[in-house]
Amino acid sequence: MPQPHTSIDAYIATFPADVQEKLQALRSAVRSAAPDTTESISYGIPTYKLKKAVVIYFAGWKQHLAVYPALAGDEALQRELAPYRESKGSLHFPLDQPLPLDLIQRAVKARLDEINAAAR
């Protein structure tokens, strides 16, 4: 059985160089949108939390990068995310296409708004 990753850097290092670049870009976009989150590995994949609430998980796969949970937001944001919604719980970004980093950042910020509203 493979050993679990101990850090996000270790996780990303297991992928080919071109996928590593995309994973690092995704990581940077999340950190930029949610600078107060903590990074960790949970369920074997990169995880970002605000206090105890999960903001986002992401993972690399053979054909795509996945973001969990599928991020929410207002109706306009949901329409923009729709092409990437693979299931109710995930967004898939094909490796052969540019990552929509601005869209991901807006979705992460919407998730932070949800978390902060629930904490009030």
N, C-alpha and C. Protein backbone atom coordinates (compact mmCIF):
# COMPACT_ATOMS: atom_id res chain seq x y z
N MET A 1 0.84 -1.18 0.00
CA MET A 1 0.00 0.00 0.00
C MET A 1 0.89 1.25 0.00
N PRO A 2 0.60 2.24 -0.89
CA PRO A 2 1.45 3.43 -0.95
C PRO A 2 1.36 4.22 0.35
N GLN A 3 2.47 4.87 0.68
CA GLN A 3 2.51 5.72 1.87
C GLN A 3 1.72 7.00 1.61
N PRO A 4 0.99 7.49 2.62
CA PRO A 4 0.26 8.74 2.44
C PRO A 4 1.22 9.91 2.30
N HIS A 5 0.78 10.90 1.58
CA HIS A 5 1.60 12.10 1.39
C HIS A 5 1.62 12.89 2.69
N THR A 6 2.77 13.47 2.99
CA THR A 6 2.90 14.24 4.22
C THR A 6 2.75 15.74 4.01
N SER A 7 2.78 16.17 2.76
CA SER A 7 2.64 17.60 2.46
C SER A 7 2.07 17.77 1.06
N ILE A 8 1.62 18.97 0.80
CA ILE A 8 1.11 19.26 -0.54
C ILE A 8 2.26 19.21 -1.55
N ASP A 9 3.42 19.68 -1.15
CA ASP A 9 4.58 19.59 -2.05
C ASP A 9 4.88 18.15 -2.42
N ALA A 10 4.83 17.26 -1.43
CA ALA A 10 5.09 15.84 -1.70
C ALA A 10 4.01 15.27 -2.62
N TYR A 11 2.76 15.67 -2.42
CA TYR A 11 1.66 15.21 -3.28
C TYR A 11 1.91 15.65 -4.73
N ILE A 12 2.17 16.93 -4.91
CA ILE A 12 2.36 17.48 -6.26
C ILE A 12 3.56 16.84 -6.95
N ALA A 13 4.60 16.54 -6.19
CA ALA A 13 5.83 15.96 -6.77
C ALA A 13 5.61 14.59 -7.39
N THR A 14 4.49 13.94 -7.11
CA THR A 14 4.23 12.60 -7.67
C THR A 14 3.71 12.65 -9.10
N PHE A 15 3.45 13.84 -9.62
CA PHE A 15 2.86 13.99 -10.96
C PHE A 15 3.92 14.39 -11.98
N PRO A 16 3.64 14.16 -13.27
CA PRO A 16 4.54 14.64 -14.33
C PRO A 16 4.69 16.16 -14.26
N ALA A 17 5.78 16.67 -14.79
CA ALA A 17 6.11 18.09 -14.69
C ALA A 17 4.99 19.01 -15.18
N ASP A 18 4.34 18.66 -16.31
CA ASP A 18 3.29 19.53 -16.83
C ASP A 18 2.08 19.58 -15.89
N VAL A 19 1.78 18.48 -15.26
CA VAL A 19 0.66 18.45 -14.31
C VAL A 19 1.06 19.15 -13.01
N GLN A 20 2.31 19.01 -12.62
CA GLN A 20 2.80 19.73 -11.44
C GLN A 20 2.60 21.23 -11.60
N GLU A 21 2.88 21.74 -12.79
CA GLU A 21 2.69 23.18 -13.05
C GLU A 21 1.24 23.58 -12.85
N LYS A 22 0.32 22.80 -13.35
CA LYS A 22 -1.10 23.10 -13.20
C LYS A 22 -1.54 22.99 -11.74
N LEU A 23 -1.05 21.98 -11.04
CA LEU A 23 -1.39 21.83 -9.63
C LEU A 23 -0.84 23.01 -8.81
N GLN A 24 0.38 23.43 -9.13
CA GLN A 24 0.95 24.59 -8.42
C GLN A 24 0.17 25.87 -8.74
N ALA A 25 -0.29 26.01 -9.98
CA ALA A 25 -1.09 27.18 -10.34
C ALA A 25 -2.42 27.16 -9.59
N LEU A 26 -3.03 25.99 -9.50
CA LEU A 26 -4.27 25.85 -8.74
C LEU A 26 -4.03 26.18 -7.27
N ARG A 27 -2.97 25.64 -6.72
CA ARG A 27 -2.61 25.91 -5.33
C ARG A 27 -2.43 27.40 -5.09
N SER A 28 -1.70 28.07 -5.97
CA SER A 28 -1.47 29.51 -5.84
C SER A 28 -2.76 30.30 -5.93
N ALA A 29 -3.64 29.89 -6.82
CA ALA A 29 -4.93 30.58 -6.96
C ALA A 29 -5.75 30.45 -5.69
N VAL A 30 -5.76 29.26 -5.10
CA VAL A 30 -6.50 29.05 -3.86
C VAL A 30 -5.88 29.88 -2.73
N ARG A 31 -4.58 29.85 -2.61
CA ARG A 31 -3.90 30.63 -1.55
C ARG A 31 -4.15 32.12 -1.72
N SER A 32 -4.17 32.59 -2.94
CA SER A 32 -4.43 34.01 -3.20
C SER A 32 -5.86 34.39 -2.82
N ALA A 33 -6.81 33.53 -3.15
CA ALA A 33 -8.22 33.81 -2.86
C ALA A 33 -8.55 33.59 -1.39
N ALA A 34 -7.80 32.73 -0.72
CA ALA A 34 -8.11 32.37 0.67
C ALA A 34 -6.83 32.34 1.50
N PRO A 35 -6.20 33.51 1.71
CA PRO A 35 -4.90 33.53 2.39
C PRO A 35 -4.95 33.12 3.86
N ASP A 36 -6.10 33.17 4.48
CA ASP A 36 -6.21 32.82 5.90
C ASP A 36 -6.48 31.34 6.15
N THR A 37 -6.50 30.56 5.09
CA THR A 37 -6.75 29.12 5.25
C THR A 37 -5.47 28.40 5.65
N THR A 38 -5.65 27.22 6.19
CA THR A 38 -4.51 26.37 6.49
C THR A 38 -4.45 25.25 5.46
N GLU A 39 -3.24 24.91 5.05
CA GLU A 39 -3.03 23.83 4.09
C GLU A 39 -2.73 22.55 4.84
N SER A 40 -3.26 21.46 4.33
CA SER A 40 -2.95 20.16 4.89
C SER A 40 -3.26 19.08 3.85
N ILE A 41 -2.99 17.86 4.23
CA ILE A 41 -3.39 16.71 3.43
C ILE A 41 -4.49 16.02 4.22
N SER A 42 -5.62 15.81 3.59
CA SER A 42 -6.73 15.08 4.21
C SER A 42 -7.31 14.17 3.14
N TYR A 43 -7.65 12.97 3.51
CA TYR A 43 -8.12 11.96 2.55
C TYR A 43 -7.10 11.76 1.43
N GLY A 44 -5.83 12.04 1.73
CA GLY A 44 -4.76 11.82 0.78
C GLY A 44 -4.57 12.90 -0.26
N ILE A 45 -5.32 14.00 -0.15
CA ILE A 45 -5.24 15.07 -1.16
C ILE A 45 -5.11 16.45 -0.49
N PRO A 46 -4.63 17.46 -1.24
CA PRO A 46 -4.51 18.79 -0.68
C PRO A 46 -5.86 19.33 -0.19
N THR A 47 -5.81 19.95 0.98
CA THR A 47 -7.01 20.43 1.65
C THR A 47 -6.74 21.82 2.22
N TYR A 48 -7.75 22.67 2.12
CA TYR A 48 -7.67 24.01 2.69
C TYR A 48 -8.84 24.20 3.62
N LYS A 49 -8.52 24.64 4.85
CA LYS A 49 -9.56 24.83 5.86
C LYS A 49 -9.49 26.24 6.43
N LEU A 50 -10.65 26.74 6.79
CA LEU A 50 -10.77 27.98 7.52
C LEU A 50 -11.37 27.60 8.86
N LYS A 51 -10.57 27.74 9.90
CA LYS A 51 -10.92 27.21 11.22
C LYS A 51 -11.11 25.71 11.05
N LYS A 52 -12.27 25.16 11.29
CA LYS A 52 -12.47 23.72 11.13
C LYS A 52 -13.24 23.37 9.86
N ALA A 53 -13.67 24.38 9.12
CA ALA A 53 -14.49 24.15 7.93
C ALA A 53 -13.60 23.95 6.69
N VAL A 54 -13.91 22.91 5.92
CA VAL A 54 -13.19 22.68 4.67
C VAL A 54 -13.64 23.72 3.65
N VAL A 55 -12.68 24.40 3.08
CA VAL A 55 -12.96 25.35 2.00
C VAL A 55 -12.92 24.61 0.68
N ILE A 56 -11.85 23.85 0.48
CA ILE A 56 -11.66 23.16 -0.79
C ILE A 56 -10.66 22.02 -0.63
N TYR A 57 -10.88 20.97 -1.40
CA TYR A 57 -9.90 19.91 -1.62
C TYR A 57 -9.59 19.97 -3.12
N PHE A 58 -8.40 19.54 -3.51
CA PHE A 58 -8.16 19.35 -4.94
C PHE A 58 -7.29 18.13 -5.15
N ALA A 59 -7.38 17.59 -6.36
CA ALA A 59 -6.63 16.37 -6.68
C ALA A 59 -6.27 16.34 -8.15
N GLY A 60 -5.18 15.67 -8.44
CA GLY A 60 -4.79 15.44 -9.82
C GLY A 60 -5.18 14.05 -10.25
N TRP A 61 -5.65 13.94 -11.48
CA TRP A 61 -6.03 12.66 -12.06
C TRP A 61 -5.38 12.55 -13.43
N LYS A 62 -5.59 11.44 -14.09
CA LYS A 62 -4.93 11.18 -15.37
C LYS A 62 -5.33 12.19 -16.45
N GLN A 63 -6.60 12.58 -16.49
CA GLN A 63 -7.10 13.46 -17.54
C GLN A 63 -7.53 14.84 -17.06
N HIS A 64 -7.60 15.04 -15.73
CA HIS A 64 -8.14 16.29 -15.22
C HIS A 64 -7.63 16.60 -13.82
N LEU A 65 -7.87 17.83 -13.39
CA LEU A 65 -7.73 18.20 -11.99
C LEU A 65 -9.14 18.30 -11.44
N ALA A 66 -9.32 17.86 -10.22
CA ALA A 66 -10.65 17.90 -9.61
C ALA A 66 -10.63 18.80 -8.38
N VAL A 67 -11.75 19.48 -8.18
CA VAL A 67 -11.96 20.32 -7.01
C VAL A 67 -13.19 19.79 -6.29
N TYR A 68 -13.04 19.64 -4.98
CA TYR A 68 -14.14 19.15 -4.15
C TYR A 68 -14.30 20.10 -2.98
N PRO A 69 -15.41 20.33 -2.43
CA PRO A 69 -16.71 20.03 -3.03
C PRO A 69 -16.92 20.94 -4.22
N ALA A 70 -17.90 20.65 -5.04
CA ALA A 70 -18.21 21.53 -6.16
C ALA A 70 -18.61 22.87 -5.56
N LEU A 71 -17.92 23.89 -5.90
CA LEU A 71 -18.10 25.19 -5.27
C LEU A 71 -19.42 25.83 -5.66
N ALA A 72 -19.94 26.62 -4.76
CA ALA A 72 -21.24 27.25 -4.98
C ALA A 72 -21.06 28.71 -5.37
N GLY A 73 -22.07 29.49 -5.09
CA GLY A 73 -22.05 30.91 -5.41
C GLY A 73 -23.39 31.31 -5.97
N ASP A 74 -23.46 32.54 -6.45
CA ASP A 74 -24.71 33.02 -7.01
C ASP A 74 -25.00 32.35 -8.35
N GLU A 75 -26.16 32.65 -8.92
CA GLU A 75 -26.56 31.97 -10.16
C GLU A 75 -25.59 32.22 -11.30
N ALA A 76 -25.07 33.42 -11.40
CA ALA A 76 -24.13 33.73 -12.49
C ALA A 76 -22.86 32.88 -12.35
N LEU A 77 -22.35 32.78 -11.14
CA LEU A 77 -21.16 31.96 -10.91
C LEU A 77 -21.46 30.49 -11.19
N GLN A 78 -22.62 30.03 -10.80
CA GLN A 78 -23.01 28.64 -11.06
C GLN A 78 -23.05 28.34 -12.56
N ARG A 79 -23.53 29.29 -13.34
CA ARG A 79 -23.56 29.09 -14.81
C ARG A 79 -22.14 28.97 -15.36
N GLU A 80 -21.22 29.78 -14.83
CA GLU A 80 -19.84 29.72 -15.29
C GLU A 80 -19.16 28.41 -14.89
N LEU A 81 -19.55 27.87 -13.73
CA LEU A 81 -18.96 26.62 -13.26
C LEU A 81 -19.58 25.39 -13.93
N ALA A 82 -20.77 25.55 -14.49
CA ALA A 82 -21.53 24.42 -15.04
C ALA A 82 -20.74 23.54 -16.01
N PRO A 83 -19.94 24.09 -16.93
CA PRO A 83 -19.21 23.21 -17.85
C PRO A 83 -18.20 22.29 -17.16
N TYR A 84 -17.82 22.63 -15.94
CA TYR A 84 -16.81 21.86 -15.22
C TYR A 84 -17.44 20.92 -14.19
N ARG A 85 -18.75 21.02 -13.99
CA ARG A 85 -19.41 20.21 -12.98
C ARG A 85 -19.56 18.79 -13.50
N GLU A 86 -18.80 17.89 -12.91
CA GLU A 86 -18.84 16.49 -13.33
C GLU A 86 -19.91 15.73 -12.56
N SER A 87 -20.09 16.11 -11.33
CA SER A 87 -21.11 15.51 -10.49
C SER A 87 -21.56 16.57 -9.50
N LYS A 88 -22.49 16.21 -8.66
CA LYS A 88 -22.96 17.17 -7.66
C LYS A 88 -21.81 17.60 -6.74
N GLY A 89 -20.83 16.73 -6.55
CA GLY A 89 -19.79 17.00 -5.58
C GLY A 89 -18.43 17.41 -6.11
N SER A 90 -18.27 17.53 -7.43
CA SER A 90 -16.93 17.86 -7.92
C SER A 90 -16.96 18.67 -9.20
N LEU A 91 -15.86 19.39 -9.38
CA LEU A 91 -15.61 20.12 -10.62
C LEU A 91 -14.37 19.49 -11.24
N HIS A 92 -14.39 19.28 -12.56
CA HIS A 92 -13.25 18.69 -13.27
C HIS A 92 -12.74 19.69 -14.30
N PHE A 93 -11.43 19.90 -14.26
CA PHE A 93 -10.77 20.81 -15.19
C PHE A 93 -9.81 19.98 -16.04
N PRO A 94 -10.14 19.79 -17.33
CA PRO A 94 -9.31 18.94 -18.20
C PRO A 94 -7.87 19.43 -18.28
N LEU A 95 -6.94 18.51 -18.26
CA LEU A 95 -5.52 18.86 -18.30
C LEU A 95 -5.10 19.45 -19.64
N ASP A 96 -5.87 19.16 -20.69
CA ASP A 96 -5.50 19.67 -22.01
C ASP A 96 -6.09 21.05 -22.30
N GLN A 97 -6.65 21.68 -21.28
CA GLN A 97 -7.22 23.03 -21.42
C GLN A 97 -6.62 23.94 -20.35
N PRO A 98 -6.58 25.26 -20.62
CA PRO A 98 -6.08 26.18 -19.59
C PRO A 98 -7.00 26.16 -18.36
N LEU A 99 -6.40 26.29 -17.19
CA LEU A 99 -7.19 26.37 -15.97
C LEU A 99 -7.87 27.73 -15.88
N PRO A 100 -9.15 27.78 -15.57
CA PRO A 100 -9.83 29.07 -15.39
C PRO A 100 -9.57 29.60 -13.97
N LEU A 101 -8.35 30.07 -13.76
CA LEU A 101 -7.92 30.43 -12.41
C LEU A 101 -8.76 31.54 -11.79
N ASP A 102 -9.15 32.52 -12.59
CA ASP A 102 -9.99 33.60 -12.07
C ASP A 102 -11.33 33.05 -11.59
N LEU A 103 -11.91 32.16 -12.36
CA LEU A 103 -13.18 31.53 -11.99
C LEU A 103 -13.01 30.72 -10.71
N ILE A 104 -11.95 29.97 -10.60
CA ILE A 104 -11.70 29.18 -9.40
C ILE A 104 -11.55 30.10 -8.19
N GLN A 105 -10.82 31.20 -8.34
CA GLN A 105 -10.66 32.14 -7.24
C GLN A 105 -12.00 32.74 -6.80
N ARG A 106 -12.82 33.11 -7.75
CA ARG A 106 -14.14 33.66 -7.39
C ARG A 106 -14.99 32.61 -6.68
N ALA A 107 -14.89 31.37 -7.11
CA ALA A 107 -15.66 30.30 -6.47
C ALA A 107 -15.14 30.03 -5.05
N VAL A 108 -13.84 30.07 -4.86
CA VAL A 108 -13.27 29.89 -3.53
C VAL A 108 -13.73 31.01 -2.60
N LYS A 109 -13.74 32.24 -3.11
CA LYS A 109 -14.20 33.37 -2.30
C LYS A 109 -15.68 33.22 -1.94
N ALA A 110 -16.47 32.69 -2.87
CA ALA A 110 -17.89 32.44 -2.57
C ALA A 110 -18.01 31.38 -1.48
N ARG A 111 -17.16 30.36 -1.52
CA ARG A 111 -17.17 29.34 -0.48
C ARG A 111 -16.80 29.94 0.87
N LEU A 112 -15.81 30.84 0.90
CA LEU A 112 -15.45 31.51 2.14
C LEU A 112 -16.62 32.33 2.68
N ASP A 113 -17.35 33.00 1.78
CA ASP A 113 -18.54 33.75 2.20
C ASP A 113 -19.56 32.84 2.86
N GLU A 114 -19.77 31.64 2.28
CA GLU A 114 -20.71 30.65 2.86
C GLU A 114 -20.27 30.25 4.27
N ILE A 115 -18.97 29.97 4.42
CA ILE A 115 -18.45 29.55 5.71
C ILE A 115 -18.61 30.66 6.73
N ASN A 116 -18.26 31.88 6.35
CA ASN A 116 -18.35 33.00 7.27
C ASN A 116 -19.81 33.30 7.64
N ALA A 117 -20.71 33.16 6.69
CA ALA A 117 -22.13 33.40 6.98
C ALA A 117 -22.66 32.35 7.95
N ALA A 118 -22.23 31.12 7.81
CA ALA A 118 -22.69 30.05 8.69
C ALA A 118 -22.14 30.22 10.11
N ALA A 119 -21.00 30.89 10.23
CA ALA A 119 -20.39 31.08 11.54
C ALA A 119 -21.03 32.21 12.33
N ARG A 120 -21.83 33.02 11.66
CA ARG A 120 -22.46 34.16 12.35
C ARG A 120 -23.61 33.73 13.18
